[in-house]
N, C-alpha and C. Protein backbone atom coordinates (compact mmCIF):
# COMPACT_ATOMS: atom_id res chain seq x y z
N MET A 1 0.79 -1.14 0.00
CA MET A 1 0.09 0.08 0.06
C MET A 1 0.90 1.07 0.07
N ILE A 2 1.84 1.43 1.02
CA ILE A 2 2.42 2.61 1.04
C ILE A 2 3.79 2.60 0.32
N GLY A 3 4.06 3.63 -0.37
CA GLY A 3 5.26 3.76 -1.31
C GLY A 3 6.40 4.50 -0.45
N LYS A 4 7.03 5.61 -1.31
CA LYS A 4 8.10 6.20 -0.77
C LYS A 4 7.46 7.51 -0.11
N LEU A 5 8.18 8.11 0.72
CA LEU A 5 7.91 9.52 1.40
C LEU A 5 8.09 10.40 0.22
N ASN A 6 6.97 11.36 0.00
CA ASN A 6 7.02 12.29 -1.05
C ASN A 6 7.56 13.71 -0.27
N HIS A 7 6.92 14.17 0.72
CA HIS A 7 7.49 15.20 1.32
C HIS A 7 7.05 15.31 2.86
N VAL A 8 7.68 16.12 3.61
CA VAL A 8 7.31 16.56 4.86
C VAL A 8 6.99 18.10 4.68
N ALA A 9 5.59 18.34 5.27
CA ALA A 9 5.21 19.61 5.14
C ALA A 9 5.31 20.61 6.58
N ILE A 10 5.80 21.66 6.29
CA ILE A 10 6.12 22.59 7.63
C ILE A 10 5.27 23.66 7.35
N ALA A 11 4.26 24.01 8.46
CA ALA A 11 3.54 25.53 8.21
C ALA A 11 4.46 26.44 8.85
N VAL A 12 4.48 27.61 8.00
CA VAL A 12 5.10 28.70 8.45
C VAL A 12 4.40 29.99 8.35
N PRO A 13 4.78 31.07 9.06
CA PRO A 13 3.98 32.14 9.28
C PRO A 13 4.31 33.01 8.02
N ASP A 14 5.41 32.96 7.34
CA ASP A 14 5.71 33.76 6.27
C ASP A 14 6.75 32.92 5.58
N LEU A 15 6.11 32.71 4.18
CA LEU A 15 6.77 31.88 3.30
C LEU A 15 8.09 32.55 2.55
N THR A 16 8.00 33.66 2.39
CA THR A 16 9.21 34.59 1.78
C THR A 16 10.41 34.22 2.87
N VAL A 17 9.96 34.41 4.09
CA VAL A 17 11.34 34.25 5.12
C VAL A 17 11.82 32.74 5.20
N ALA A 18 10.85 31.96 5.22
CA ALA A 18 10.97 30.58 5.37
C ALA A 18 11.84 30.00 4.10
N ALA A 19 11.48 30.50 3.04
CA ALA A 19 12.22 29.98 1.80
C ALA A 19 13.61 30.71 1.72
N ALA A 20 13.81 31.78 2.35
CA ALA A 20 15.01 32.42 2.10
C ALA A 20 16.16 31.60 3.11
N ARG A 21 15.54 31.19 4.48
CA ARG A 21 16.40 30.37 5.17
C ARG A 21 16.95 29.22 4.36
N TYR A 22 16.00 28.41 3.65
CA TYR A 22 16.54 27.30 2.92
C TYR A 22 17.33 27.61 1.81
N THR A 23 17.12 28.73 1.15
CA THR A 23 18.20 29.23 -0.03
C THR A 23 19.47 29.40 0.57
N ALA A 24 19.43 30.12 1.63
CA ALA A 24 20.63 30.46 2.16
C ALA A 24 21.43 29.35 2.50
N MET A 25 20.96 28.28 2.83
CA MET A 25 21.39 26.96 3.00
C MET A 25 21.95 26.25 1.80
N GLY A 26 21.58 26.64 0.62
CA GLY A 26 21.82 26.17 -0.70
C GLY A 26 20.82 25.10 -1.37
N ALA A 27 19.67 25.29 -0.87
CA ALA A 27 18.72 24.36 -1.45
C ALA A 27 17.79 25.22 -2.34
N SER A 28 17.26 24.78 -3.36
CA SER A 28 16.54 25.17 -4.44
C SER A 28 14.95 25.19 -4.04
N VAL A 29 14.45 26.13 -4.22
CA VAL A 29 13.10 26.37 -3.87
C VAL A 29 12.27 26.66 -5.15
N SER A 30 10.83 26.17 -4.98
CA SER A 30 10.06 26.76 -6.19
C SER A 30 9.45 27.76 -5.79
N ALA A 31 8.65 28.28 -6.99
CA ALA A 31 7.75 29.55 -6.99
C ALA A 31 6.59 29.08 -5.97
N THR A 32 5.92 30.29 -5.56
CA THR A 32 4.71 30.15 -4.71
C THR A 32 3.68 29.49 -5.55
N VAL A 33 2.95 28.49 -5.00
CA VAL A 33 1.77 28.18 -5.70
C VAL A 33 0.46 28.13 -4.90
N ASP A 34 -0.45 28.86 -5.11
CA ASP A 34 -1.60 29.06 -4.38
C ASP A 34 -2.59 27.93 -4.62
N LEU A 35 -3.13 27.31 -3.54
CA LEU A 35 -4.07 26.22 -3.54
C LEU A 35 -5.12 26.39 -2.94
N PRO A 36 -6.18 27.23 -3.49
CA PRO A 36 -7.51 27.86 -2.76
C PRO A 36 -8.17 26.84 -2.37
N GLU A 37 -8.23 25.67 -3.11
CA GLU A 37 -9.19 24.70 -2.66
C GLU A 37 -8.63 23.78 -1.39
N HIS A 38 -7.49 24.00 -0.87
CA HIS A 38 -6.89 23.59 0.38
C HIS A 38 -6.65 24.64 1.30
N GLY A 39 -6.92 26.00 0.99
CA GLY A 39 -6.79 27.01 1.83
C GLY A 39 -5.13 27.29 1.93
N VAL A 40 -4.32 26.93 1.23
CA VAL A 40 -2.83 27.15 1.59
C VAL A 40 -2.11 27.64 0.27
N GLN A 41 -1.06 28.42 0.77
CA GLN A 41 -0.19 28.55 -0.50
C GLN A 41 1.20 27.77 -0.04
N VAL A 42 1.77 27.29 -1.14
CA VAL A 42 2.96 26.21 -0.79
C VAL A 42 4.07 26.83 -1.65
N ILE A 43 5.41 26.35 -1.16
CA ILE A 43 6.70 26.22 -1.69
C ILE A 43 7.42 24.97 -1.27
N PHE A 44 7.98 24.45 -2.40
CA PHE A 44 8.72 23.22 -2.41
C PHE A 44 10.12 23.54 -2.23
N VAL A 45 10.72 22.93 -1.25
CA VAL A 45 12.20 23.04 -1.15
C VAL A 45 12.84 21.63 -1.73
N GLU A 46 13.53 21.85 -2.76
CA GLU A 46 14.16 20.33 -3.28
C GLU A 46 15.11 20.01 -2.52
N LEU A 47 15.22 18.78 -1.99
CA LEU A 47 16.21 17.98 -1.30
C LEU A 47 16.60 16.63 -2.22
N THR A 48 17.77 16.09 -1.93
CA THR A 48 18.23 15.06 -2.84
C THR A 48 17.46 13.88 -2.88
N ASN A 49 16.66 13.40 -1.65
CA ASN A 49 15.75 12.46 -1.62
C ASN A 49 14.31 12.63 -1.63
N THR A 50 13.81 13.78 -1.12
CA THR A 50 12.44 14.18 -1.05
C THR A 50 12.40 15.56 -1.19
N HIS A 51 11.24 16.14 -0.62
CA HIS A 51 10.83 17.70 -0.77
C HIS A 51 10.50 17.90 0.75
N LEU A 52 10.65 19.15 0.93
CA LEU A 52 10.01 19.79 2.06
C LEU A 52 8.84 20.74 1.44
N GLU A 53 7.71 20.60 1.90
CA GLU A 53 6.57 21.66 1.43
C GLU A 53 6.27 22.70 2.62
N LEU A 54 6.56 23.97 2.38
CA LEU A 54 6.63 25.00 3.29
C LEU A 54 5.06 25.65 2.79
N LEU A 55 4.24 25.60 4.06
CA LEU A 55 2.60 25.87 3.88
C LEU A 55 2.60 27.20 4.64
N ALA A 56 1.70 27.94 3.97
CA ALA A 56 1.26 29.14 4.73
C ALA A 56 -0.24 29.42 4.53
N PRO A 57 -1.04 30.00 5.30
CA PRO A 57 -2.56 29.99 5.09
C PRO A 57 -2.97 30.85 4.04
N LEU A 58 -3.68 30.52 3.19
CA LEU A 58 -4.52 31.31 2.16
C LEU A 58 -5.75 31.77 2.66
N GLY A 59 -5.87 32.73 3.42
CA GLY A 59 -7.37 33.08 3.89
C GLY A 59 -7.33 32.65 5.47
N GLU A 60 -8.42 33.39 6.03
CA GLU A 60 -8.72 33.12 7.48
C GLU A 60 -9.04 31.81 7.71
N ASN A 61 -9.97 31.22 6.92
CA ASN A 61 -10.48 29.77 7.20
C ASN A 61 -9.45 28.60 6.78
N SER A 62 -8.33 29.05 6.49
CA SER A 62 -7.58 27.83 6.26
C SER A 62 -7.09 26.90 7.47
N PRO A 63 -7.05 25.78 7.30
CA PRO A 63 -6.70 24.75 8.30
C PRO A 63 -5.16 25.33 8.86
N VAL A 64 -4.38 25.69 7.95
CA VAL A 64 -3.02 26.01 8.32
C VAL A 64 -3.04 27.24 9.21
N ALA A 65 -4.00 28.22 9.14
CA ALA A 65 -4.19 29.32 9.94
C ALA A 65 -4.44 28.90 11.71
N ALA A 66 -5.46 27.79 11.47
CA ALA A 66 -5.68 27.40 12.93
C ALA A 66 -4.58 26.87 13.37
N PHE A 67 -3.90 25.96 12.60
CA PHE A 67 -2.55 25.34 13.25
C PHE A 67 -1.60 26.51 13.71
N LEU A 68 -1.14 27.52 12.89
CA LEU A 68 -0.35 28.72 13.22
C LEU A 68 -1.03 29.54 14.45
N GLU A 69 -2.35 29.42 14.77
CA GLU A 69 -2.78 29.95 15.93
C GLU A 69 -2.30 29.21 17.07
N ARG A 70 -2.20 27.94 17.08
CA ARG A 70 -1.47 27.23 18.33
C ARG A 70 -0.09 27.24 18.25
N TYR A 71 0.65 27.12 17.12
CA TYR A 71 1.86 27.31 16.99
C TYR A 71 2.56 28.44 16.37
N PRO A 72 2.33 29.78 16.65
CA PRO A 72 2.70 30.90 15.90
C PRO A 72 3.95 30.89 15.31
N GLU A 73 5.08 30.15 15.51
CA GLU A 73 6.45 29.87 14.81
C GLU A 73 6.11 29.05 13.82
N GLY A 74 5.30 28.28 13.85
CA GLY A 74 5.15 27.33 12.81
C GLY A 74 5.63 25.81 13.23
N GLY A 75 5.76 24.88 12.22
CA GLY A 75 6.08 23.54 12.84
C GLY A 75 5.41 22.37 11.89
N MET A 76 5.89 21.28 12.28
CA MET A 76 5.74 20.26 11.27
C MET A 76 4.00 20.05 11.25
N HIS A 77 3.50 19.82 10.00
CA HIS A 77 2.05 19.85 9.68
C HIS A 77 1.87 18.49 9.45
N HIS A 78 2.26 17.85 8.38
CA HIS A 78 1.93 16.68 8.01
C HIS A 78 3.07 15.87 7.14
N ILE A 79 3.01 14.68 6.99
CA ILE A 79 3.97 13.93 6.06
C ILE A 79 3.06 13.34 4.92
N CYS A 80 3.65 13.18 3.76
CA CYS A 80 3.30 12.92 2.66
C CYS A 80 3.64 11.53 2.28
N LEU A 81 2.96 10.45 2.04
CA LEU A 81 3.33 9.06 1.69
C LEU A 81 2.64 8.67 0.31
N GLU A 82 3.44 8.21 -0.69
CA GLU A 82 2.96 7.77 -1.90
C GLU A 82 2.29 6.52 -1.78
N VAL A 83 1.04 6.40 -2.60
CA VAL A 83 0.60 5.04 -2.91
C VAL A 83 0.30 4.77 -4.41
N GLU A 84 0.15 3.46 -4.68
CA GLU A 84 -0.28 3.14 -6.01
C GLU A 84 -1.50 3.60 -6.66
N ASP A 85 -2.51 3.33 -5.62
CA ASP A 85 -3.71 3.30 -6.05
C ASP A 85 -4.48 4.13 -4.94
N ILE A 86 -4.90 5.23 -5.21
CA ILE A 86 -5.56 6.11 -3.79
C ILE A 86 -6.88 5.56 -3.55
N HIS A 87 -7.70 5.00 -4.32
CA HIS A 87 -8.92 4.48 -4.05
C HIS A 87 -8.63 3.11 -3.11
N THR A 88 -7.81 2.36 -3.46
CA THR A 88 -7.44 1.28 -2.90
C THR A 88 -6.89 1.66 -1.40
N ALA A 89 -6.02 2.60 -1.40
CA ALA A 89 -5.53 2.97 -0.16
C ALA A 89 -6.76 3.48 1.02
N ILE A 90 -7.82 4.01 0.09
CA ILE A 90 -8.87 4.71 1.12
C ILE A 90 -9.49 3.38 1.51
N GLU A 91 -9.83 2.39 0.68
CA GLU A 91 -10.62 1.23 1.12
C GLU A 91 -9.73 0.29 2.30
N GLN A 92 -8.73 0.26 2.05
CA GLN A 92 -7.75 -0.39 3.29
C GLN A 92 -7.75 0.52 4.25
N ALA A 93 -7.43 1.77 4.55
CA ALA A 93 -7.44 2.49 5.65
C ALA A 93 -8.97 2.46 6.12
N GLY A 94 -9.95 2.47 5.52
CA GLY A 94 -11.43 2.29 6.05
C GLY A 94 -11.53 0.95 6.78
N ALA A 95 -10.97 -0.10 6.15
CA ALA A 95 -11.11 -1.49 6.67
C ALA A 95 -10.52 -1.50 7.98
N GLU A 96 -9.35 -0.97 8.24
CA GLU A 96 -8.61 -1.13 9.24
C GLU A 96 -8.85 0.01 10.13
N GLY A 97 -10.01 0.81 10.26
CA GLY A 97 -10.52 1.76 11.16
C GLY A 97 -9.95 3.05 11.15
N THR A 98 -9.09 3.11 10.17
CA THR A 98 -8.29 4.74 10.12
C THR A 98 -9.33 5.63 9.24
N ARG A 99 -9.52 6.68 9.89
CA ARG A 99 -10.48 7.59 9.25
C ARG A 99 -9.78 8.47 8.14
N VAL A 100 -10.52 8.72 7.11
CA VAL A 100 -10.09 9.49 5.82
C VAL A 100 -10.77 10.94 6.26
N LEU A 101 -10.00 12.02 6.27
CA LEU A 101 -10.69 13.38 6.58
C LEU A 101 -11.64 13.52 5.37
N GLY A 102 -12.24 14.78 5.79
CA GLY A 102 -13.10 15.46 4.51
C GLY A 102 -14.20 14.33 4.16
N ASN A 103 -14.54 14.44 3.06
CA ASN A 103 -15.73 13.55 2.43
C ASN A 103 -15.38 12.37 2.28
N GLY A 104 -13.98 11.85 2.20
CA GLY A 104 -13.41 10.54 2.05
C GLY A 104 -13.06 10.15 0.77
N GLN A 105 -13.29 11.38 -0.14
CA GLN A 105 -12.65 11.20 -1.65
C GLN A 105 -11.54 12.20 -1.78
N PRO A 106 -10.62 11.67 -2.94
CA PRO A 106 -9.38 12.25 -2.97
C PRO A 106 -9.90 13.57 -3.75
N ARG A 107 -8.89 14.53 -3.53
CA ARG A 107 -8.79 15.83 -4.00
C ARG A 107 -7.44 16.14 -4.93
N VAL A 108 -7.33 17.02 -5.78
CA VAL A 108 -6.20 17.52 -6.39
C VAL A 108 -5.18 18.03 -5.44
N GLY A 109 -4.00 17.42 -5.41
CA GLY A 109 -3.18 18.17 -4.36
C GLY A 109 -2.09 19.01 -4.96
N ALA A 110 -0.91 19.54 -4.22
CA ALA A 110 -0.06 20.25 -4.97
C ALA A 110 0.69 19.98 -6.09
N HIS A 111 0.77 18.56 -6.12
CA HIS A 111 1.53 18.01 -7.34
C HIS A 111 0.50 17.58 -8.34
N GLU A 112 -0.59 18.18 -8.52
CA GLU A 112 -1.77 17.96 -9.26
C GLU A 112 -1.80 16.43 -9.53
N LYS A 113 -1.93 15.60 -8.19
CA LYS A 113 -2.27 14.32 -8.17
C LYS A 113 -3.39 14.13 -7.13
N PRO A 114 -4.12 12.95 -7.06
CA PRO A 114 -5.16 12.81 -6.05
C PRO A 114 -4.53 12.79 -4.75
N VAL A 115 -5.17 13.05 -3.49
CA VAL A 115 -4.48 13.04 -2.17
C VAL A 115 -5.62 12.84 -1.45
N VAL A 116 -5.50 12.24 -0.35
CA VAL A 116 -6.35 12.29 0.97
C VAL A 116 -5.60 12.38 2.21
N PHE A 117 -6.19 12.71 3.29
CA PHE A 117 -5.74 12.96 4.46
C PHE A 117 -6.11 12.00 5.56
N LEU A 118 -5.22 11.40 6.39
CA LEU A 118 -5.78 10.39 7.48
C LEU A 118 -5.65 11.13 8.77
N HIS A 119 -6.80 10.77 9.64
CA HIS A 119 -6.75 11.63 11.09
C HIS A 119 -5.65 11.03 11.68
N PRO A 120 -5.04 12.34 12.27
CA PRO A 120 -3.77 12.36 13.21
C PRO A 120 -4.11 11.24 14.54
N LYS A 121 -5.32 11.02 15.02
CA LYS A 121 -5.54 10.29 16.01
C LYS A 121 -5.35 8.86 15.61
N ASP A 122 -5.74 8.57 14.38
CA ASP A 122 -5.41 7.19 13.86
C ASP A 122 -4.07 6.95 13.44
N MET A 123 -3.20 7.83 13.23
CA MET A 123 -1.86 7.80 12.76
C MET A 123 -1.01 8.07 13.62
N ASN A 124 -0.98 7.66 15.10
CA ASN A 124 0.12 8.15 15.93
C ASN A 124 0.39 9.50 16.25
N GLY A 125 -0.48 10.43 15.98
CA GLY A 125 -0.43 11.84 16.37
C GLY A 125 0.03 12.67 15.10
N VAL A 126 0.00 12.01 13.91
CA VAL A 126 0.67 12.58 12.86
C VAL A 126 -0.27 12.79 11.89
N LEU A 127 -0.44 13.90 11.27
CA LEU A 127 -1.60 14.08 9.99
C LEU A 127 -0.99 13.45 8.98
N VAL A 128 -1.37 12.42 8.21
CA VAL A 128 -0.73 11.48 7.23
C VAL A 128 -1.55 12.12 5.74
N GLU A 129 -0.83 12.69 5.03
CA GLU A 129 -1.38 12.71 3.45
C GLU A 129 -1.26 11.58 2.73
N LEU A 130 -2.07 10.89 2.03
CA LEU A 130 -1.53 9.93 0.97
C LEU A 130 -2.10 10.46 -0.41
N GLN A 131 -0.83 10.43 -1.13
CA GLN A 131 -0.87 10.79 -2.65
C GLN A 131 -0.73 9.68 -3.74
N GLN A 132 -1.31 9.82 -4.64
CA GLN A 132 -1.18 8.72 -5.79
C GLN A 132 0.02 8.78 -6.50
N ALA A 133 0.60 7.86 -6.62
CA ALA A 133 2.28 7.94 -7.06
C ALA A 133 2.09 8.12 -8.69
């Protein structure tokens, strides 16, 4: 079911400041991408073996805005794991009692691939994003 780690997402209060820190360390960063359907803006930091996804709220109702209210300096928001078939992964998660957030159906994520999120209470306290490989 689970493939490779796609990215680790870090919520940040200011994308420009956060991206500059990684650039200063020699990392390549992407342009900012607005994802209004998820309520976030993202920048990807390219690493040798994976990515960091820097997240900032896009609007007051963003789930990342709520996260930053609790953790104003930011912090790890979620991890993203690749799966071969998102629909099979959803079925397997449900069969094992793992809750899929939202309406349980995939949405298009930042990589323009289907994604779902698994409830952190069912995943040892970590919000887990599954992304179709």
